[in-house]
Amino acid sequence: LECIEAIAPTKLDSRISGDFEGRGVWTITPLPDGACRVVLHWDIDVRKPLVRHLTPILRPLFRWNHSWAMRHGEQRMRALLEQRNA
């Protein structure tokens, strides 16, 4: 993942290469309570032929894995923020 543009504090534009190739745009919106909302829009292609062909069959597994990774990523980010704010 490579950051190709950063507009603090509202946007990160990234490019991904490897098994997946494409672009991700992170939009960051401050909220009144001091938190923020982050939305990631991915526009990527799967490069591995086997994964690309099995995606329709494995989609439920990919969805579960993605949800698991996002939950754990959020937990880790929250822990890091709590450490910094302590």
PDB file of N, CA and C in Angstrom:
ATOM      1  N   LEU A   1       0.857  -1.170   0.000  1.00  0.00           N
ATOM      2  CA  LEU A   1       0.000   0.000   0.000  1.00  0.00           C
ATOM      3  C   LEU A   1       0.897   1.223   0.000  1.00  0.00           C
ATOM      4  N   GLU A   2       0.600   2.144  -0.893  1.00  0.00           N
ATOM      5  CA  GLU A   2       1.394   3.372  -1.007  1.00  0.00           C
ATOM      6  C   GLU A   2       0.448   4.566  -0.962  1.00  0.00           C
ATOM      7  N   CYS A   3       0.757   5.530  -0.130  1.00  0.00           N
ATOM      8  CA  CYS A   3      -0.015   6.767  -0.081  1.00  0.00           C
ATOM      9  C   CYS A   3       0.427   7.638  -1.255  1.00  0.00           C
ATOM     10  N   ILE A   4      -0.527   8.016  -2.101  1.00  0.00           N
ATOM     11  CA  ILE A   4      -0.165   8.856  -3.250  1.00  0.00           C
ATOM     12  C   ILE A   4      -0.610  10.303  -3.083  1.00  0.00           C
ATOM     13  N   GLU A   5      -1.516  10.539  -2.123  1.00  0.00           N
ATOM     14  CA  GLU A   5      -1.916  11.906  -1.810  1.00  0.00           C
ATOM     15  C   GLU A   5      -2.506  11.938  -0.412  1.00  0.00           C
ATOM     16  N   ALA A   6      -2.163  12.963   0.337  1.00  0.00           N
ATOM     17  CA  ALA A   6      -2.730  13.153   1.669  1.00  0.00           C
ATOM     18  C   ALA A   6      -3.147  14.609   1.806  1.00  0.00           C
ATOM     19  N   ILE A   7      -4.413  14.809   2.116  1.00  0.00           N
ATOM     20  CA  ILE A   7      -4.921  16.149   2.362  1.00  0.00           C
ATOM     21  C   ILE A   7      -5.407  16.153   3.812  1.00  0.00           C
ATOM     22  N   ALA A   8      -4.535  16.618   4.697  1.00  0.00           N
ATOM     23  CA  ALA A   8      -4.856  16.598   6.136  1.00  0.00           C
ATOM     24  C   ALA A   8      -5.953  17.604   6.428  1.00  0.00           C
ATOM     25  N   PRO A   9      -6.883  17.286   7.239  1.00  0.00           N
ATOM     26  CA  PRO A   9      -7.122  16.000   7.888  1.00  0.00           C
ATOM     27  C   PRO A   9      -8.279  15.232   7.247  1.00  0.00           C
ATOM     28  N   THR A  10      -8.533  15.418   5.946  1.00  0.00           N
ATOM     29  CA  THR A  10      -9.778  14.899   5.386  1.00  0.00           C
ATOM     30  C   THR A  10      -9.661  13.777   4.367  1.00  0.00           C
ATOM     31  N   LYS A  11      -8.480  13.530   3.800  1.00  0.00           N
ATOM     32  CA  LYS A  11      -8.420  12.549   2.717  1.00  0.00           C
ATOM     33  C   LYS A  11      -7.048  11.897   2.612  1.00  0.00           C
ATOM     34  N   LEU A  12      -7.059  10.595   2.357  1.00  0.00           N
ATOM     35  CA  LEU A  12      -5.857   9.843   1.994  1.00  0.00           C
ATOM     36  C   LEU A  12      -6.184   9.082   0.716  1.00  0.00           C
ATOM     37  N   ASP A  13      -5.323   9.206  -0.257  1.00  0.00           N
ATOM     38  CA  ASP A  13      -5.489   8.491  -1.520  1.00  0.00           C
ATOM     39  C   ASP A  13      -4.348   7.490  -1.610  1.00  0.00           C
ATOM     40  N   SER A  14      -4.675   6.223  -1.809  1.00  0.00           N
ATOM     41  CA  SER A  14      -3.649   5.187  -1.778  1.00  0.00           C
ATOM     42  C   SER A  14      -3.733   4.288  -2.998  1.00  0.00           C
ATOM     43  N   ARG A  15      -2.614   3.653  -3.276  1.00  0.00           N
ATOM     44  CA  ARG A  15      -2.533   2.688  -4.369  1.00  0.00           C
ATOM     45  C   ARG A  15      -2.045   1.377  -3.766  1.00  0.00           C
ATOM     46  N   ILE A  16      -2.636   0.291  -4.219  1.00  0.00           N
ATOM     47  CA  ILE A  16      -2.241  -1.024  -3.726  1.00  0.00           C
ATOM     48  C   ILE A  16      -1.759  -1.854  -4.908  1.00  0.00           C
ATOM     49  N   SER A  17      -0.716  -2.653  -4.652  1.00  0.00           N
ATOM     50  CA  SER A  17      -0.211  -3.527  -5.714  1.00  0.00           C
ATOM     51  C   SER A  17       0.212  -4.851  -5.089  1.00  0.00           C
ATOM     52  N   GLY A  18       0.223  -5.863  -5.906  1.00  0.00           N
ATOM     53  CA  GLY A  18       0.544  -7.203  -5.427  1.00  0.00           C
ATOM     54  C   GLY A  18      -0.562  -8.146  -5.861  1.00  0.00           C
ATOM     55  N   ASP A  19      -1.095  -8.937  -4.897  1.00  0.00           N
ATOM     56  CA  ASP A  19      -2.204  -9.844  -5.208  1.00  0.00           C
ATOM     57  C   ASP A  19      -3.443  -9.073  -5.648  1.00  0.00           C
ATOM     58  N   PHE A  20      -3.580  -7.857  -5.125  1.00  0.00           N
ATOM     59  CA  PHE A  20      -4.659  -6.954  -5.508  1.00  0.00           C
ATOM     60  C   PHE A  20      -4.007  -5.700  -6.063  1.00  0.00           C
ATOM     61  N   GLU A  21      -4.629  -5.096  -7.068  1.00  0.00           N
ATOM     62  CA  GLU A  21      -4.111  -3.841  -7.614  1.00  0.00           C
ATOM     63  C   GLU A  21      -5.257  -2.867  -7.763  1.00  0.00           C
ATOM     64  N   GLY A  22      -4.971  -1.623  -7.427  1.00  0.00           N
ATOM     65  CA  GLY A  22      -5.989  -0.599  -7.591  1.00  0.00           C
ATOM     66  C   GLY A  22      -5.765   0.567  -6.658  1.00  0.00           C
ATOM     67  N   ARG A  23      -6.864   1.203  -6.312  1.00  0.00           N
ATOM     68  CA  ARG A  23      -6.815   2.451  -5.575  1.00  0.00           C
ATOM     69  C   ARG A  23      -7.795   2.418  -4.408  1.00  0.00           C
ATOM     70  N   GLY A  24      -7.412   3.070  -3.332  1.00  0.00           N
ATOM     71  CA  GLY A  24      -8.293   3.240  -2.178  1.00  0.00           C
ATOM     72  C   GLY A  24      -8.296   4.694  -1.753  1.00  0.00           C
ATOM     73  N   VAL A  25      -9.481   5.252  -1.563  1.00  0.00           N
ATOM     74  CA  VAL A  25      -9.606   6.636  -1.107  1.00  0.00           C
ATOM     75  C   VAL A  25     -10.264   6.624   0.266  1.00  0.00           C
ATOM     76  N   TRP A  26      -9.539   7.166   1.239  1.00  0.00           N
ATOM     77  CA  TRP A  26     -10.015   7.257   2.618  1.00  0.00           C
ATOM     78  C   TRP A  26     -10.543   8.676   2.828  1.00  0.00           C
ATOM     79  N   THR A  27     -11.823   8.804   3.173  1.00  0.00           N
ATOM     80  CA  THR A  27     -12.416  10.117   3.453  1.00  0.00           C
ATOM     81  C   THR A  27     -12.668  10.195   4.956  1.00  0.00           C
ATOM     82  N   ILE A  28     -12.138  11.239   5.579  1.00  0.00           N
ATOM     83  CA  ILE A  28     -12.198  11.389   7.033  1.00  0.00           C
ATOM     84  C   ILE A  28     -13.043  12.622   7.354  1.00  0.00           C
ATOM     85  N   THR A  29     -14.115  12.418   8.127  1.00  0.00           N
ATOM     86  CA  THR A  29     -15.026  13.502   8.468  1.00  0.00           C
ATOM     87  C   THR A  29     -15.084  13.652   9.981  1.00  0.00           C
ATOM     88  N   PRO A  30     -14.704  14.824  10.499  1.00  0.00           N
ATOM     89  CA  PRO A  30     -14.818  15.051  11.945  1.00  0.00           C
ATOM     90  C   PRO A  30     -16.283  15.033  12.380  1.00  0.00           C
ATOM     91  N   LEU A  31     -16.529  14.528  13.585  1.00  0.00           N
ATOM     92  CA  LEU A  31     -17.875  14.500  14.159  1.00  0.00           C
ATOM     93  C   LEU A  31     -17.946  15.463  15.332  1.00  0.00           C
ATOM     94  N   PRO A  32     -19.135  15.946  15.638  1.00  0.00           N
ATOM     95  CA  PRO A  32     -19.269  16.940  16.714  1.00  0.00           C
ATOM     96  C   PRO A  32     -18.733  16.483  18.063  1.00  0.00           C
ATOM     97  N   ASP A  33     -18.751  15.179  18.332  1.00  0.00           N
ATOM     98  CA  ASP A  33     -18.307  14.696  19.650  1.00  0.00           C
ATOM     99  C   ASP A  33     -16.790  14.541  19.751  1.00  0.00           C
ATOM    100  N   GLY A  34     -16.063  14.960  18.713  1.00  0.00           N
ATOM    101  CA  GLY A  34     -14.607  14.859  18.730  1.00  0.00           C
ATOM    102  C   GLY A  34     -14.083  13.615  18.049  1.00  0.00           C
ATOM    103  N   ALA A  35     -14.961  12.678  17.751  1.00  0.00           N
ATOM    104  CA  ALA A  35     -14.563  11.467  17.013  1.00  0.00           C
ATOM    105  C   ALA A  35     -14.526  11.801  15.520  1.00  0.00           C
ATOM    106  N   CYS A  36     -14.326  10.808  14.713  1.00  0.00           N
ATOM    107  CA  CYS A  36     -14.370  11.027  13.279  1.00  0.00           C
ATOM    108  C   CYS A  36     -14.951   9.797  12.589  1.00  0.00           C
ATOM    109  N   ARG A  37     -15.441  10.013  11.394  1.00  0.00           N
ATOM    110  CA  ARG A  37     -15.966   8.932  10.566  1.00  0.00           C
ATOM    111  C   ARG A  37     -14.996   8.740   9.415  1.00  0.00           C
ATOM    112  N   VAL A  38     -14.580   7.494   9.201  1.00  0.00           N
ATOM    113  CA  VAL A  38     -13.651   7.184   8.129  1.00  0.00           C
ATOM    114  C   VAL A  38     -14.342   6.225   7.162  1.00  0.00           C
ATOM    115  N   VAL A  39     -14.363   6.597   5.896  1.00  0.00           N
ATOM    116  CA  VAL A  39     -14.950   5.755   4.853  1.00  0.00           C
ATOM    117  C   VAL A  39     -13.855   5.426   3.856  1.00  0.00           C
ATOM    118  N   LEU A  40     -13.711   4.146   3.548  1.00  0.00           N
ATOM    119  CA  LEU A  40     -12.727   3.700   2.566  1.00  0.00           C
ATOM    120  C   LEU A  40     -13.464   3.201   1.334  1.00  0.00           C
ATOM    121  N   HIS A  41     -13.146   3.765   0.197  1.00  0.00           N
ATOM    122  CA  HIS A  41     -13.705   3.301  -1.072  1.00  0.00           C
ATOM    123  C   HIS A  41     -12.585   2.608  -1.837  1.00  0.00           C
ATOM    124  N   TRP A  42     -12.738   1.296  -2.058  1.00  0.00           N
ATOM    125  CA  TRP A  42     -11.758   0.504  -2.794  1.00  0.00           C
ATOM    126  C   TRP A  42     -12.207   0.334  -4.237  1.00  0.00           C
ATOM    127  N   ASP A  43     -11.297   0.465  -5.150  1.00  0.00           N
ATOM    128  CA  ASP A  43     -11.525   0.119  -6.548  1.00  0.00           C
ATOM    129  C   ASP A  43     -10.333  -0.742  -6.945  1.00  0.00           C
ATOM    130  N   ILE A  44     -10.460  -2.054  -6.732  1.00  0.00           N
ATOM    131  CA  ILE A  44      -9.321  -2.947  -6.918  1.00  0.00           C
ATOM    132  C   ILE A  44      -9.681  -4.125  -7.813  1.00  0.00           C
ATOM    133  N   ASP A  45      -8.658  -4.715  -8.372  1.00  0.00           N
ATOM    134  CA  ASP A  45      -8.767  -5.940  -9.165  1.00  0.00           C
ATOM    135  C   ASP A  45      -7.960  -7.028  -8.482  1.00  0.00           C
ATOM    136  N   VAL A  46      -8.481  -8.255  -8.542  1.00  0.00           N
ATOM    137  CA  VAL A  46      -7.761  -9.410  -8.022  1.00  0.00           C
ATOM    138  C   VAL A  46      -6.831  -9.899  -9.119  1.00  0.00           C
ATOM    139  N   ARG A  47      -5.550 -10.045  -8.831  1.00  0.00           N
ATOM    140  CA  ARG A  47      -4.559 -10.429  -9.830  1.00  0.00           C
ATOM    141  C   ARG A  47      -4.295 -11.927  -9.894  1.00  0.00           C
ATOM    142  N   LYS A  48      -4.482 -12.631  -8.784  1.00  0.00           N
ATOM    143  CA  LYS A  48      -4.214 -14.070  -8.794  1.00  0.00           C
ATOM    144  C   LYS A  48      -5.373 -14.783  -9.494  1.00  0.00           C
ATOM    145  N   PRO A  49      -5.093 -15.477 -10.609  1.00  0.00           N
ATOM    146  CA  PRO A  49      -6.178 -16.134 -11.350  1.00  0.00           C
ATOM    147  C   PRO A  49      -6.997 -17.105 -10.512  1.00  0.00           C
ATOM    148  N   LEU A  50      -6.354 -17.899  -9.669  1.00  0.00           N
ATOM    149  CA  LEU A  50      -7.087 -18.870  -8.866  1.00  0.00           C
ATOM    150  C   LEU A  50      -8.075 -18.170  -7.932  1.00  0.00           C
ATOM    151  N   VAL A  51      -7.614 -17.136  -7.258  1.00  0.00           N
ATOM    152  CA  VAL A  51      -8.486 -16.392  -6.343  1.00  0.00           C
ATOM    153  C   VAL A  51      -9.615 -15.730  -7.124  1.00  0.00           C
ATOM    154  N   ARG A  52      -9.283 -15.143  -8.277  1.00  0.00           N
ATOM    155  CA  ARG A  52     -10.296 -14.477  -9.096  1.00  0.00           C
ATOM    156  C   ARG A  52     -11.394 -15.462  -9.510  1.00  0.00           C
ATOM    157  N   HIS A  53     -11.006 -16.676  -9.904  1.00  0.00           N
ATOM    158  CA  HIS A  53     -11.993 -17.661 -10.360  1.00  0.00           C
ATOM    159  C   HIS A  53     -12.782 -18.282  -9.207  1.00  0.00           C
ATOM    160  N   LEU A  54     -12.177 -18.360  -8.024  1.00  0.00           N
ATOM    161  CA  LEU A  54     -12.867 -18.950  -6.882  1.00  0.00           C
ATOM    162  C   LEU A  54     -13.694 -17.942  -6.074  1.00  0.00           C
ATOM    163  N   THR A  55     -13.550 -16.662  -6.387  1.00  0.00           N
ATOM    164  CA  THR A  55     -14.250 -15.628  -5.625  1.00  0.00           C
ATOM    165  C   THR A  55     -15.750 -15.874  -5.515  1.00  0.00           C
ATOM    166  N   PRO A  56     -16.460 -16.199  -6.595  1.00  0.00           N
ATOM    167  CA  PRO A  56     -17.908 -16.419  -6.427  1.00  0.00           C
ATOM    168  C   PRO A  56     -18.236 -17.515  -5.410  1.00  0.00           C
ATOM    169  N   ILE A  57     -17.430 -18.548  -5.339  1.00  0.00           N
ATOM    170  CA  ILE A  57     -17.672 -19.654  -4.417  1.00  0.00           C
ATOM    171  C   ILE A  57     -17.231 -19.289  -2.998  1.00  0.00           C
ATOM    172  N   LEU A  58     -16.114 -18.597  -2.888  1.00  0.00           N
ATOM    173  CA  LEU A  58     -15.524 -18.292  -1.581  1.00  0.00           C
ATOM    174  C   LEU A  58     -15.951 -16.945  -1.002  1.00  0.00           C
ATOM    175  N   ARG A  59     -16.840 -16.242  -1.689  1.00  0.00           N
ATOM    176  CA  ARG A  59     -17.239 -14.907  -1.239  1.00  0.00           C
ATOM    177  C   ARG A  59     -17.666 -14.880   0.241  1.00  0.00           C
ATOM    178  N   PRO A  60     -18.484 -15.827   0.739  1.00  0.00           N
ATOM    179  CA  PRO A  60     -18.837 -15.788   2.169  1.00  0.00           C
ATOM    180  C   PRO A  60     -17.611 -15.884   3.082  1.00  0.00           C
ATOM    181  N   LEU A  61     -16.635 -16.708   2.720  1.00  0.00           N
ATOM    182  CA  LEU A  61     -15.413 -16.818   3.515  1.00  0.00           C
ATOM    183  C   LEU A  61     -14.618 -15.516   3.459  1.00  0.00           C
ATOM    184  N   PHE A  62     -14.508 -14.915   2.288  1.00  0.00           N
ATOM    185  CA  PHE A  62     -13.795 -13.638   2.150  1.00  0.00           C
ATOM    186  C   PHE A  62     -14.486 -12.554   2.972  1.00  0.00           C
ATOM    187  N   ARG A  63     -15.822 -12.531   2.948  1.00  0.00           N
ATOM    188  CA  ARG A  63     -16.577 -11.526   3.705  1.00  0.00           C
ATOM    189  C   ARG A  63     -16.325 -11.707   5.207  1.00  0.00           C
ATOM    190  N   TRP A  64     -16.380 -12.962   5.679  1.00  0.00           N
ATOM    191  CA  TRP A  64     -16.123 -13.237   7.092  1.00  0.00           C
ATOM    192  C   TRP A  64     -14.713 -12.804   7.473  1.00  0.00           C
ATOM    193  N   ASN A  65     -13.726 -13.159   6.651  1.00  0.00           N
ATOM    194  CA  ASN A  65     -12.329 -12.819   6.931  1.00  0.00           C
ATOM    195  C   ASN A  65     -12.138 -11.302   6.958  1.00  0.00           C
ATOM    196  N   HIS A  66     -12.770 -10.612   6.043  1.00  0.00           N
ATOM    197  CA  HIS A  66     -12.654  -9.152   5.999  1.00  0.00           C
ATOM    198  C   HIS A  66     -13.252  -8.537   7.269  1.00  0.00           C
ATOM    199  N   SER A  67     -14.430  -9.015   7.660  1.00  0.00           N
ATOM    200  CA  SER A  67     -15.068  -8.491   8.874  1.00  0.00           C
ATOM    201  C   SER A  67     -14.203  -8.753  10.100  1.00  0.00           C
ATOM    202  N   TRP A  68     -13.638  -9.942  10.181  1.00  0.00           N
ATOM    203  CA  TRP A  68     -12.749 -10.280  11.296  1.00  0.00           C
ATOM    204  C   TRP A  68     -11.541  -9.337  11.328  1.00  0.00           C
ATOM    205  N   ALA A  69     -10.908  -9.139  10.177  1.00  0.00           N
ATOM    206  CA  ALA A  69      -9.719  -8.284  10.108  1.00  0.00           C
ATOM    207  C   ALA A  69     -10.053  -6.838  10.475  1.00  0.00           C
ATOM    208  N   MET A  70     -11.199  -6.344  10.024  1.00  0.00           N
ATOM    209  CA  MET A  70     -11.583  -4.962  10.332  1.00  0.00           C
ATOM    210  C   MET A  70     -11.874  -4.790  11.826  1.00  0.00           C
ATOM    211  N   ARG A  71     -12.569  -5.772  12.435  1.00  0.00           N
ATOM    212  CA  ARG A  71     -12.836  -5.697  13.878  1.00  0.00           C
ATOM    213  C   ARG A  71     -11.535  -5.664  14.679  1.00  0.00           C
ATOM    214  N   HIS A  72     -10.624  -6.553  14.337  1.00  0.00           N
ATOM    215  CA  HIS A  72      -9.353  -6.615  15.073  1.00  0.00           C
ATOM    216  C   HIS A  72      -8.493  -5.384  14.797  1.00  0.00           C
ATOM    217  N   GLY A  73      -8.532  -4.885  13.584  1.00  0.00           N
ATOM    218  CA  GLY A  73      -7.810  -3.656  13.282  1.00  0.00           C
ATOM    219  C   GLY A  73      -8.344  -2.483  14.087  1.00  0.00           C
ATOM    220  N   GLU A  74      -9.666  -2.394  14.191  1.00  0.00           N
ATOM    221  CA  GLU A  74     -10.271  -1.321  14.989  1.00  0.00           C
ATOM    222  C   GLU A  74      -9.868  -1.446  16.452  1.00  0.00           C
ATOM    223  N   GLN A  75      -9.896  -2.663  16.991  1.00  0.00           N
ATOM    224  CA  GLN A  75      -9.497  -2.871  18.388  1.00  0.00           C
ATOM    225  C   GLN A  75      -8.056  -2.433  18.612  1.00  0.00           C
ATOM    226  N   ARG A  76      -7.178  -2.774  17.700  1.00  0.00           N
ATOM    227  CA  ARG A  76      -5.762  -2.399  17.840  1.00  0.00           C
ATOM    228  C   ARG A  76      -5.581  -0.886  17.748  1.00  0.00           C
ATOM    229  N   MET A  77      -6.313  -0.267  16.811  1.00  0.00           N
ATOM    230  CA  MET A  77      -6.203   1.190  16.673  1.00  0.00           C
ATOM    231  C   MET A  77      -6.708   1.892  17.926  1.00  0.00           C
ATOM    232  N   ARG A  78      -7.818   1.405  18.473  1.00  0.00           N
ATOM    233  CA  ARG A  78      -8.343   2.003  19.704  1.00  0.00           C
ATOM    234  C   ARG A  78      -7.351   1.852  20.863  1.00  0.00           C
ATOM    235  N   ALA A  79      -6.723   0.691  20.955  1.00  0.00           N
ATOM    236  CA  ALA A  79      -5.735   0.457  22.017  1.00  0.00           C
ATOM    237  C   ALA A  79      -4.549   1.419  21.865  1.00  0.00           C
ATOM    238  N   LEU A  80      -4.091   1.609  20.636  1.00  0.00           N
ATOM    239  CA  LEU A  80      -2.976   2.541  20.408  1.00  0.00           C
ATOM    240  C   LEU A  80      -3.369   3.969  20.776  1.00  0.00           C
ATOM    241  N   LEU A  81      -4.578   4.374  20.405  1.00  0.00           N
ATOM    242  CA  LEU A  81      -5.029   5.708  20.743  1.00  0.00           C
ATOM    243  C   LEU A  81      -5.165   5.893  22.248  1.00  0.00           C
ATOM    244  N   GLU A  82      -5.648   4.865  22.930  1.00  0.00           N
ATOM    245  CA  GLU A  82      -5.762   4.953  24.394  1.00  0.00           C
ATOM    246  C   GLU A  82      -4.381   5.074  25.039  1.00  0.00           C
ATOM    247  N   GLN A  83      -3.393   4.342  24.513  1.00  0.00           N
ATOM    248  CA  GLN A  83      -2.033   4.448  25.047  1.00  0.00           C
ATOM    249  C   GLN A  83      -1.473   5.850  24.845  1.00  0.00           C
ATOM    250  N   ARG A  84      -1.717   6.420  23.691  1.00  0.00           N
ATOM    251  CA  ARG A  84      -1.203   7.764  23.404  1.00  0.00           C
ATOM    252  C   ARG A  84      -1.879   8.820  24.265  1.00  0.00           C
ATOM    253  N   ASN A  85      -3.164   8.608  24.572  1.00  0.00           N
ATOM    254  CA  ASN A  85      -3.913   9.578  25.350  1.00  0.00           C
ATOM    255  C   ASN A  85      -3.786   9.387  26.856  1.00  0.00           C
ATOM    256  N   ALA A  86      -3.099   8.315  27.263  1.00  0.00           N
ATOM    257  CA  ALA A  86      -2.954   8.021  28.707  1.00  0.00           C
ATOM    258  C   ALA A  86      -1.882   8.878  29.332  1.00  0.00           C
TER     259      ALA A  86
END
